Amino acid sequence: MEKIKKLFSLFLTCFLLFSTVPVAAENRDSATDKYIFTLEEVKELALKNSRIIKSVQESHRQAQSQKYIAANNYDRTKYGSWYGASNQKLSLIGSVSRKKEELRAIENRYGYDPNGNEEPPADWLKAKMEISGLEGQLGSATSGEAGAEASTKQLKKVLENSRDALKDTKRAREDTTQQVEYNVEKVYSNILVLEEQVSLLKKNSDHYAKLVEIEKVKRGKGLSSEVDYNKIHAQYKDNKNKYEQAKDNLYISKMVLNDMMGRPLEYNLKLTSFEVGPVIPHGDINDVTKTALEKAATMEQQKREVEDMKDDLDDLSDSNEEEVQKAQINQAKINLASTDVNIRNYVKQLFADLDAKEKSYKLKQSEVVTAEQEFTNEKKKFELGIMSSIQYQACELAYQEKLNAYKQVGYEYFLLKHKLELVNQGIILG
C-alpha cells in the first residue's frame, strides 16, 4: 500500500493543475453516486470542477476590474485634471491679452511712453501689476497642464496594458478549457488501455499458473526437466509482476480522474469506450505552421512586448537608459525568435508522430483482421476436439493481445489528432 501511495503522489502531481476542486460531502451531486461515465460526461464534470479553470476565470475577473479602474483613472485625469488645466491656461492667456490691450489703451490716452523718463499714470501701474500677477498664474497653469498631460500619458499606458491583460486572460481561459479537455482524454484513454491490460494479464497469469502445474506433474513423472520447469515458472512470475504493476497503475489513474471530475478519490469508476474515428489527412505542414505562429498566444504577447518596448524607447532621454532599453529589446527579439523556432519544431514533430502513428494504426488494424481469422480457425479446432483447452486459451490470449495493441494505438492516434486540432487554434501543449 505504501508503494501505491508513492506512485499515486508522483502521478497525481502531473495532473494537479488540471484537476478539480474536491467535493464536500454536503455538496455532492449525483455524479458521486453514479459510477459509469462516457467521455463527454467526464469532460463536462472536469470542466465544471477544474482548479486551473477556476484560477484563470478569477484572473480574468481581476483583469476586468483592473481595466475598469484604469479607464476611470484615465478619464478622470484626461477630462478633469488635464482638460481643466488646459482650460485654465487658455482663460489666463485671454486675461493677459486683454490686460495688455488695456495697458496700451492707457498709454494712448495719456500719451505715455513706457520707455521715456516721465512718471507712469497710476492706472497704468495698476494694470502692469495685474498683468504680472496673471503671467505668474499662467506659468503655474502651464506647469500644471504639462504635469496633467504627463500623468494622462502614463495612465493611458496603464489602460492599454490593462486591456492587453484582459485580452490575455480571456485567451488563457479559452485555451485552458481546451487543454483540460485534452488532459481528460489522455487520462481517460489510459484507463481504458490499462483495464484491457489488467484483464489480459490476469488471464495470462491464470494460463501460466496452469502451465506451471502441468510442468510440475511432467517433471514428477520424468517427462520434463527442471530447466523447463524453471523457465515456465519465471514466465509466470514475470507476468504476475506485470499484472500487479498494471493494477497499481489503473488504481492510480482512476484516482486521478476521479479527482479531475470532483469525485472522492476512492469512488468506483467505470468508463465506456469511445470511437477513435477514421484516419484523416493532416493538411499541409506549412499551412499548419503558419496558422500556429499567427494564433499562438505566446507569439502575440512577445510581439506586443517588443513593440511596447520600442514605444518606451522614444520617451527616454538619458543615453544610458536608452542603451539598457535597446539591450532589452534585443533580448525580447531573441525570445520571440526562439518561440518561433520552438513552434515550428513542435509542428514538425507532431506531423512526424501523426505519420508514424497513422501507419502503425493501419498496420495493427490489418493484424487484428488476420489474427481474428486465425483465432476463428483455432476455435473451430477446439470445438471439434482436436485442440486442448490450454492450446485454445493460448490462441485466445494471443488474439486478445493483438486487439489490445490495436486499441491502444487507436487511442494514441486519437490524442494526436486532437493535438493537431489544438495547434490549428494556436494552442501548443507542453
Protein backbone atom coordinates (compact mmCIF):
# COMPACT_ATOMS: atom_id res chain seq x y z
CA MET A 1 0.00 0.00 0.00
CA GLU A 2 2.92 2.33 0.75
CA LYS A 3 4.22 1.72 -2.77
CA ILE A 4 0.83 2.63 -4.22
CA LYS A 5 0.71 5.86 -2.23
CA LYS A 6 4.14 6.90 -3.52
CA LEU A 7 3.20 6.09 -7.10
CA PHE A 8 -0.05 7.99 -6.77
CA SER A 9 1.71 11.03 -5.29
CA LEU A 10 4.11 11.14 -8.24
CA PHE A 11 1.44 10.57 -10.89
CA LEU A 12 -1.05 12.99 -9.36
CA THR A 13 1.48 15.84 -9.46
CA CYS A 14 1.49 15.71 -13.27
CA PHE A 15 -2.22 16.41 -13.45
CA LEU A 16 -2.78 18.51 -10.34
CA LEU A 17 -3.00 21.81 -12.21
CA PHE A 18 -5.71 20.38 -14.43
CA SER A 19 -7.57 18.57 -11.71
CA THR A 20 -10.58 19.64 -9.74
CA VAL A 21 -11.83 21.07 -6.51
CA PRO A 22 -12.76 18.22 -4.12
CA VAL A 23 -16.46 17.88 -3.50
CA ALA A 24 -17.56 18.44 0.08
CA ALA A 25 -19.82 15.71 1.48
CA GLU A 26 -22.78 18.04 1.90
CA ASN A 27 -22.39 19.42 -1.64
CA ARG A 28 -22.03 16.20 -3.61
CA ASP A 29 -24.22 15.86 -6.67
CA SER A 30 -25.47 12.81 -8.48
CA ALA A 31 -22.06 12.35 -10.13
CA THR A 32 -20.73 10.87 -6.87
CA ASP A 33 -23.44 8.21 -6.82
CA LYS A 34 -23.05 7.39 -10.49
CA TYR A 35 -20.02 5.31 -11.46
CA ILE A 36 -20.41 4.62 -15.20
CA PHE A 37 -19.40 7.56 -17.39
CA THR A 38 -18.90 8.42 -21.03
CA LEU A 39 -16.02 10.57 -22.23
CA GLU A 40 -18.28 13.58 -22.74
CA GLU A 41 -19.73 13.25 -19.23
CA VAL A 42 -16.24 13.13 -17.72
CA LYS A 43 -15.21 16.20 -19.70
CA GLU A 44 -18.27 18.11 -18.51
CA LEU A 45 -17.52 17.36 -14.86
CA ALA A 46 -13.82 18.13 -15.24
CA LEU A 47 -14.53 21.49 -16.86
CA LYS A 48 -17.02 22.29 -14.12
CA ASN A 49 -14.59 21.48 -11.29
CA SER A 50 -11.16 22.22 -12.77
CA ARG A 51 -8.94 24.17 -10.38
CA ILE A 52 -6.88 25.73 -13.14
CA ILE A 53 -10.01 26.91 -14.99
CA LYS A 54 -11.36 28.48 -11.81
CA SER A 55 -8.00 30.18 -11.27
CA VAL A 56 -7.91 31.55 -14.83
CA GLN A 57 -11.51 32.73 -14.54
CA GLU A 58 -10.61 34.59 -11.35
CA SER A 59 -7.63 36.16 -13.14
CA HIS A 60 -9.97 37.25 -15.92
CA ARG A 61 -12.37 38.84 -13.42
CA GLN A 62 -9.48 40.67 -11.76
CA ALA A 63 -8.26 41.85 -15.17
CA GLN A 64 -11.75 43.20 -15.89
CA SER A 65 -11.70 45.11 -12.60
CA GLN A 66 -8.19 46.47 -13.28
CA LYS A 67 -9.24 47.60 -16.73
CA TYR A 68 -12.32 49.34 -15.28
CA ILE A 69 -10.18 51.12 -12.66
CA ALA A 70 -7.57 52.11 -15.26
CA ALA A 71 -10.25 53.50 -17.58
CA ASN A 72 -11.78 55.57 -14.76
CA ASN A 73 -8.39 56.95 -13.69
CA TYR A 74 -7.53 57.81 -17.28
CA ASP A 75 -10.86 59.55 -17.97
CA ARG A 76 -10.75 61.44 -14.69
CA THR A 77 -7.22 62.72 -15.34
CA LYS A 78 -7.75 63.46 -19.01
CA TYR A 79 -11.14 65.14 -18.80
CA GLY A 80 -10.66 66.54 -15.30
CA SER A 81 -7.09 67.50 -14.45
CA TRP A 82 -5.62 67.85 -17.95
CA TYR A 83 -8.59 69.50 -19.64
CA GLY A 84 -9.17 71.63 -16.54
CA ALA A 85 -5.56 72.81 -16.54
CA SER A 86 -5.72 73.47 -20.30
CA ASN A 87 -8.93 75.49 -19.94
CA GLN A 88 -7.45 77.48 -17.07
CA LYS A 89 -4.34 78.19 -19.15
CA LEU A 90 -6.43 79.36 -22.12
CA SER A 91 -8.50 81.56 -19.81
CA LEU A 92 -5.37 83.14 -18.34
CA ILE A 93 -3.89 83.70 -21.80
CA GLY A 94 -7.07 85.56 -22.69
CA SER A 95 -6.93 87.61 -19.48
CA VAL A 96 -3.28 88.55 -20.05
CA SER A 97 -4.07 89.53 -23.65
CA ARG A 98 -6.99 91.72 -22.57
CA LYS A 99 -4.92 93.40 -19.84
CA LYS A 100 -2.17 94.17 -22.31
CA GLU A 101 -4.73 95.77 -24.63
CA GLU A 102 -5.99 97.79 -21.66
CA LEU A 103 -2.39 98.82 -20.89
CA ARG A 104 -1.87 100.06 -24.48
CA ALA A 105 -5.17 101.98 -24.29
CA ILE A 106 -3.95 103.77 -21.14
CA GLU A 107 -0.68 104.62 -22.86
CA ASN A 108 -2.60 106.08 -25.82
CA ARG A 109 -4.98 108.01 -23.58
CA TYR A 110 -2.20 109.67 -21.62
CA GLY A 111 0.32 109.74 -24.42
CA TYR A 112 2.57 107.84 -22.09
CA ASP A 113 5.78 106.27 -23.39
CA PRO A 114 6.92 103.33 -21.16
CA ASN A 115 10.49 103.84 -22.48
CA GLY A 116 10.54 107.52 -21.52
CA ASN A 117 11.51 109.22 -18.26
CA GLU A 118 8.14 110.57 -17.20
CA GLU A 119 6.20 109.26 -14.24
CA PRO A 120 3.69 106.49 -15.28
CA PRO A 121 -0.01 107.07 -14.59
CA ALA A 122 -1.49 105.31 -11.57
CA ASP A 123 -3.95 103.24 -13.62
CA TRP A 124 -1.06 102.18 -15.91
CA LEU A 125 0.90 100.93 -12.88
CA LYS A 126 -2.16 99.07 -11.63
CA ALA A 127 -2.68 97.36 -15.00
CA LYS A 128 1.02 96.49 -15.19
CA MET A 129 0.90 94.82 -11.77
CA GLU A 130 -2.22 92.87 -12.70
CA ILE A 131 -0.51 91.60 -15.88
CA SER A 132 2.47 90.49 -13.83
CA GLY A 133 0.19 88.56 -11.47
CA LEU A 134 -1.72 86.97 -14.35
CA GLU A 135 1.51 85.91 -16.04
CA GLY A 136 2.62 84.23 -12.79
CA GLN A 137 -0.67 82.36 -12.67
CA LEU A 138 -0.22 81.48 -16.35
CA GLY A 139 3.20 79.98 -15.62
CA SER A 140 1.72 77.85 -12.86
CA ALA A 141 -1.17 76.80 -15.10
CA THR A 142 1.29 75.84 -17.89
CA SER A 143 3.26 73.68 -15.44
CA GLY A 144 0.03 72.13 -14.18
CA GLU A 145 -1.06 71.37 -17.72
CA ALA A 146 2.29 69.71 -18.50
CA GLY A 147 2.07 67.60 -15.35
CA ALA A 148 -1.53 66.59 -16.09
CA GLU A 149 -0.56 65.73 -19.67
CA ALA A 150 2.33 63.54 -18.46
CA SER A 151 0.03 61.83 -15.95
CA THR A 152 -2.55 61.27 -18.68
CA LYS A 153 0.06 59.64 -20.93
CA GLN A 154 1.14 57.35 -18.09
CA LEU A 155 -2.44 56.41 -17.29
CA LYS A 156 -3.11 55.80 -20.98
CA LYS A 157 -0.24 53.29 -20.96
CA VAL A 158 -1.67 51.66 -17.84
CA LEU A 159 -5.06 51.46 -19.59
CA GLU A 160 -3.53 49.90 -22.71
CA ASN A 161 -1.68 47.35 -20.56
CA SER A 162 -4.87 46.50 -18.67
CA ARG A 163 -6.68 45.97 -21.98
CA ASP A 164 -3.89 43.66 -23.11
CA ALA A 165 -4.05 41.78 -19.79
CA LEU A 166 -7.81 41.38 -20.17
CA LYS A 167 -7.34 40.06 -23.69
CA ASP A 168 -4.62 37.66 -22.49
CA THR A 169 -6.72 36.27 -19.63
CA LYS A 170 -9.69 35.80 -21.96
CA ARG A 171 -7.47 33.84 -24.34
CA ALA A 172 -5.96 31.90 -21.42
CA ARG A 173 -9.46 30.95 -20.27
CA GLU A 174 -10.34 29.63 -23.73
CA ASP A 175 -7.03 27.79 -24.18
CA THR A 176 -7.13 26.27 -20.70
CA THR A 177 -10.57 24.82 -21.36
CA GLN A 178 -9.19 23.06 -24.43
CA GLN A 179 -6.14 21.84 -22.52
CA VAL A 180 -8.27 20.41 -19.71
CA GLU A 181 -10.36 18.51 -22.26
CA TYR A 182 -7.21 17.08 -23.82
CA ASN A 183 -5.84 16.01 -20.42
CA VAL A 184 -9.14 14.32 -19.61
CA GLU A 185 -8.95 12.39 -22.89
CA LYS A 186 -5.38 11.40 -22.09
CA VAL A 187 -6.19 10.01 -18.63
CA TYR A 188 -9.49 8.51 -19.82
CA SER A 189 -7.92 6.62 -22.73
CA ASN A 190 -5.05 5.50 -20.49
CA ILE A 191 -7.56 3.94 -18.10
CA LEU A 192 -9.27 2.10 -20.97
CA VAL A 193 -5.89 0.73 -22.10
CA LEU A 194 -4.92 -0.26 -18.55
CA GLU A 195 -8.25 -2.04 -17.99
CA GLU A 196 -7.63 -4.14 -21.10
CA GLN A 197 -4.06 -4.81 -19.98
CA VAL A 198 -5.12 -5.86 -16.48
CA SER A 199 -7.77 -8.18 -17.89
CA LEU A 200 -5.33 -9.78 -20.34
CA LEU A 201 -2.53 -10.08 -17.78
CA LYS A 202 -4.92 -11.72 -15.32
CA LYS A 203 -5.89 -14.30 -17.95
CA ASN A 204 -2.21 -14.74 -18.79
CA SER A 205 -1.41 -15.29 -15.12
CA ASP A 206 -4.11 -17.92 -14.84
CA HIS A 207 -2.85 -19.52 -18.05
CA TYR A 208 0.75 -19.64 -16.84
CA ALA A 209 -0.39 -20.95 -13.46
CA LYS A 210 -1.92 -23.94 -15.27
CA LEU A 211 1.25 -24.39 -17.32
CA VAL A 212 3.30 -24.38 -14.12
CA GLU A 213 1.08 -27.10 -12.63
CA ILE A 214 1.29 -29.16 -15.81
CA GLU A 215 5.07 -28.78 -15.90
CA LYS A 216 5.26 -29.78 -12.25
CA VAL A 217 3.36 -33.00 -12.98
CA LYS A 218 5.50 -33.69 -16.06
CA ARG A 219 8.69 -33.16 -14.08
CA GLY A 220 7.44 -35.54 -11.36
CA LYS A 221 6.99 -38.23 -14.00
CA GLY A 222 10.32 -37.53 -15.60
CA LEU A 223 8.76 -36.06 -18.73
CA SER A 224 10.28 -32.62 -18.20
CA SER A 225 13.50 -31.18 -16.83
CA GLU A 226 13.98 -28.72 -14.00
CA VAL A 227 15.23 -26.21 -16.56
CA ASP A 228 11.92 -26.39 -18.42
CA TYR A 229 10.00 -26.00 -15.18
CA ASN A 230 12.08 -23.02 -14.05
CA LYS A 231 11.59 -21.36 -17.44
CA ILE A 232 7.79 -21.64 -17.25
CA HIS A 233 7.79 -20.57 -13.60
CA ALA A 234 9.92 -17.49 -14.40
CA GLN A 235 7.45 -16.52 -17.14
CA TYR A 236 4.62 -16.96 -14.64
CA LYS A 237 6.31 -14.71 -12.06
CA ASP A 238 7.20 -12.09 -14.67
CA ASN A 239 3.61 -11.96 -15.92
CA LYS A 240 2.27 -11.80 -12.37
CA ASN A 241 4.55 -8.84 -11.58
CA LYS A 242 3.34 -7.07 -14.72
CA TYR A 243 -0.23 -7.78 -13.66
CA GLU A 244 0.31 -6.29 -10.19
CA GLN A 245 2.04 -3.22 -11.68
CA ALA A 246 -0.78 -2.71 -14.18
CA LYS A 247 -3.33 -2.94 -11.36
CA ASP A 248 -1.44 -0.30 -9.39
CA ASN A 249 -1.29 1.99 -12.44
CA LEU A 250 -5.01 1.51 -13.09
CA TYR A 251 -5.83 2.24 -9.46
CA ILE A 252 -3.76 5.45 -9.55
CA SER A 253 -5.20 6.59 -12.88
CA LYS A 254 -8.76 6.16 -11.66
CA MET A 255 -7.97 8.19 -8.55
CA VAL A 256 -6.54 10.95 -10.74
CA LEU A 257 -9.60 11.00 -12.99
CA ASN A 258 -11.97 10.97 -10.01
CA ASP A 259 -10.12 13.98 -8.65
CA MET A 260 -10.35 15.75 -12.00
CA MET A 261 -14.11 15.09 -12.01
CA GLY A 262 -14.55 16.41 -8.47
CA ARG A 263 -15.36 12.99 -7.02
CA PRO A 264 -13.84 11.31 -3.95
CA LEU A 265 -10.63 9.56 -4.99
CA GLU A 266 -11.65 6.05 -3.95
CA TYR A 267 -15.08 6.10 -5.63
CA ASN A 268 -15.95 3.33 -8.04
CA LEU A 269 -15.38 4.36 -11.65
CA LYS A 270 -16.28 2.61 -14.88
CA LEU A 271 -15.66 4.18 -18.27
CA THR A 272 -17.27 3.39 -21.59
CA SER A 273 -15.12 3.08 -24.69
CA PHE A 274 -15.34 5.65 -27.48
CA GLU A 275 -14.82 5.71 -31.22
CA VAL A 276 -11.37 6.73 -32.35
CA GLY A 277 -12.69 7.84 -35.71
CA PRO A 278 -11.20 7.40 -39.17
CA VAL A 279 -7.72 8.27 -40.35
CA ILE A 280 -7.82 11.85 -41.60
CA PRO A 281 -5.46 13.99 -43.71
CA HIS A 282 -3.17 16.17 -41.61
CA GLY A 283 -3.22 19.08 -44.00
CA ASP A 284 -0.18 20.91 -45.35
CA ILE A 285 2.56 21.30 -42.74
CA ASN A 286 3.45 24.78 -43.99
CA ASP A 287 -0.16 25.95 -43.66
CA VAL A 288 -0.48 24.48 -40.18
CA THR A 289 2.82 26.05 -39.09
CA LYS A 290 1.74 29.44 -40.40
CA THR A 291 -1.60 29.18 -38.58
CA ALA A 292 0.09 28.12 -35.33
CA LEU A 293 2.52 31.03 -35.48
CA GLU A 294 -0.26 33.52 -36.21
CA LYS A 295 -2.59 32.27 -33.48
CA ALA A 296 -0.21 31.23 -30.70
CA ALA A 297 -0.84 33.36 -27.62
CA THR A 298 2.86 33.41 -26.68
CA MET A 299 3.86 34.77 -30.09
CA GLU A 300 1.24 37.50 -29.88
CA GLN A 301 2.33 38.52 -26.38
CA GLN A 302 6.03 38.58 -27.25
CA LYS A 303 5.44 40.61 -30.42
CA ARG A 304 3.45 43.11 -28.37
CA GLU A 305 6.22 43.24 -25.79
CA VAL A 306 8.77 44.16 -28.47
CA GLU A 307 6.53 46.92 -29.86
CA ASP A 308 5.79 48.31 -26.38
CA MET A 309 9.48 48.44 -25.56
CA LYS A 310 10.17 50.28 -28.82
CA ASP A 311 7.50 52.84 -27.92
CA ASP A 312 9.03 53.31 -24.47
CA LEU A 313 12.41 53.91 -26.08
CA ASP A 314 11.10 57.12 -27.69
CA ASP A 315 10.28 58.54 -24.24
CA LEU A 316 13.79 58.08 -22.84
CA SER A 317 16.21 61.00 -22.79
CA ASP A 318 19.12 59.53 -20.82
CA SER A 319 21.67 57.80 -23.09
CA ASN A 320 22.38 55.08 -20.53
CA GLU A 321 18.71 54.27 -20.18
CA GLU A 322 18.43 54.10 -23.97
CA GLU A 323 21.26 51.58 -24.17
CA VAL A 324 19.66 49.42 -21.47
CA GLN A 325 16.30 49.59 -23.25
CA LYS A 326 17.87 48.66 -26.58
CA ALA A 327 19.54 45.64 -24.96
CA GLN A 328 16.20 44.57 -23.51
CA ILE A 329 14.55 44.97 -26.92
CA ASN A 330 17.22 42.76 -28.49
CA GLN A 331 16.65 40.12 -25.80
CA ALA A 332 12.90 40.27 -26.40
CA LYS A 333 13.51 39.75 -30.12
CA ILE A 334 15.70 36.74 -29.33
CA ASN A 335 12.93 35.31 -27.15
CA LEU A 336 10.44 35.86 -29.96
CA ALA A 337 12.71 34.12 -32.48
CA SER A 338 13.21 31.23 -30.05
CA THR A 339 9.45 30.82 -29.64
CA ASP A 340 9.08 30.87 -33.42
CA VAL A 341 11.63 28.05 -33.76
CA ASN A 342 10.03 26.03 -30.94
CA ILE A 343 6.59 26.20 -32.55
CA ARG A 344 7.97 25.20 -35.94
CA ASN A 345 9.76 22.23 -34.37
CA TYR A 346 6.63 21.31 -32.41
CA VAL A 347 4.51 21.19 -35.57
CA LYS A 348 7.24 19.28 -37.43
CA GLN A 349 7.42 16.67 -34.66
CA LEU A 350 3.63 16.45 -34.46
CA PHE A 351 3.39 15.70 -38.19
CA ALA A 352 6.12 13.06 -37.85
CA ASP A 353 4.26 11.47 -34.91
CA LEU A 354 0.99 11.55 -36.84
CA ASP A 355 2.54 9.90 -39.88
CA ALA A 356 4.13 7.17 -37.78
CA LYS A 357 1.04 6.57 -35.66
CA GLU A 358 -1.23 6.50 -38.71
CA LYS A 359 0.92 3.79 -40.30
CA SER A 360 1.02 1.87 -37.03
CA TYR A 361 -2.76 2.18 -36.65
CA LYS A 362 -3.38 0.81 -40.14
CA LEU A 363 -0.85 -1.99 -39.56
CA LYS A 364 -2.43 -3.00 -36.24
CA GLN A 365 -5.84 -2.93 -37.88
CA SER A 366 -4.72 -5.40 -40.56
CA GLU A 367 -3.01 -7.56 -37.93
CA VAL A 368 -6.25 -7.75 -35.95
CA VAL A 369 -8.16 -8.85 -39.04
CA THR A 370 -5.61 -11.60 -39.67
CA ALA A 371 -5.49 -12.59 -36.00
CA GLU A 372 -9.28 -12.77 -35.86
CA GLN A 373 -9.38 -15.11 -38.85
CA GLU A 374 -6.69 -17.30 -37.29
CA PHE A 375 -8.48 -17.36 -33.95
CA THR A 376 -11.75 -18.32 -35.65
CA ASN A 377 -10.00 -21.28 -37.27
CA GLU A 378 -8.40 -22.33 -33.98
CA LYS A 379 -11.75 -22.05 -32.23
CA LYS A 380 -13.27 -24.50 -34.74
CA LYS A 381 -10.45 -26.94 -33.99
CA PHE A 382 -11.17 -26.63 -30.28
CA GLU A 383 -14.90 -27.19 -30.82
CA LEU A 384 -14.09 -30.28 -32.90
CA GLY A 385 -11.96 -31.62 -30.05
CA ILE A 386 -8.65 -31.61 -31.92
CA MET A 387 -7.14 -28.88 -29.71
CA SER A 388 -6.69 -28.84 -25.96
CA SER A 389 -8.18 -26.12 -23.75
CA ILE A 390 -4.65 -24.94 -22.85
CA GLN A 391 -3.76 -24.54 -26.52
CA TYR A 392 -7.06 -22.82 -27.24
CA GLN A 393 -6.55 -20.42 -24.34
CA ALA A 394 -3.08 -19.53 -25.66
CA CYS A 395 -4.63 -18.71 -29.07
CA GLU A 396 -7.35 -16.63 -27.43
CA LEU A 397 -4.79 -14.66 -25.42
CA ALA A 398 -2.65 -14.05 -28.50
CA TYR A 399 -5.68 -12.67 -30.36
CA GLN A 400 -6.66 -10.50 -27.39
CA GLU A 401 -3.12 -9.11 -27.21
CA LYS A 402 -3.33 -8.07 -30.89
CA LEU A 403 -6.72 -6.47 -30.28
CA ASN A 404 -5.47 -4.56 -27.24
CA ALA A 405 -2.45 -3.28 -29.17
CA TYR A 406 -4.77 -2.05 -31.92
CA LYS A 407 -7.00 -0.24 -29.41
CA GLN A 408 -4.03 1.37 -27.67
CA VAL A 409 -2.55 2.69 -30.92
CA GLY A 410 -6.02 3.92 -31.85
CA TYR A 411 -6.31 5.97 -28.66
CA GLU A 412 -2.82 7.37 -29.19
CA TYR A 413 -3.76 8.37 -32.73
CA PHE A 414 -6.95 9.97 -31.40
CA LEU A 415 -4.91 12.12 -28.99
CA LEU A 416 -2.53 13.18 -31.76
CA LYS A 417 -5.47 14.23 -33.93
CA HIS A 418 -6.72 16.36 -31.06
CA LYS A 419 -3.26 17.92 -30.67
CA LEU A 420 -3.42 18.85 -34.35
CA GLU A 421 -6.82 20.50 -33.80
CA LEU A 422 -5.35 22.48 -30.91
CA VAL A 423 -2.33 23.56 -32.97
CA ASN A 424 -4.67 24.93 -35.62
CA GLN A 425 -6.14 27.10 -32.85
CA GLY A 426 -2.69 28.26 -31.77
CA ILE A 427 -2.58 26.06 -28.66
CA ILE A 428 0.80 24.43 -28.08
CA LEU A 429 0.79 21.74 -25.39
CA GLY A 430 3.72 21.18 -23.11
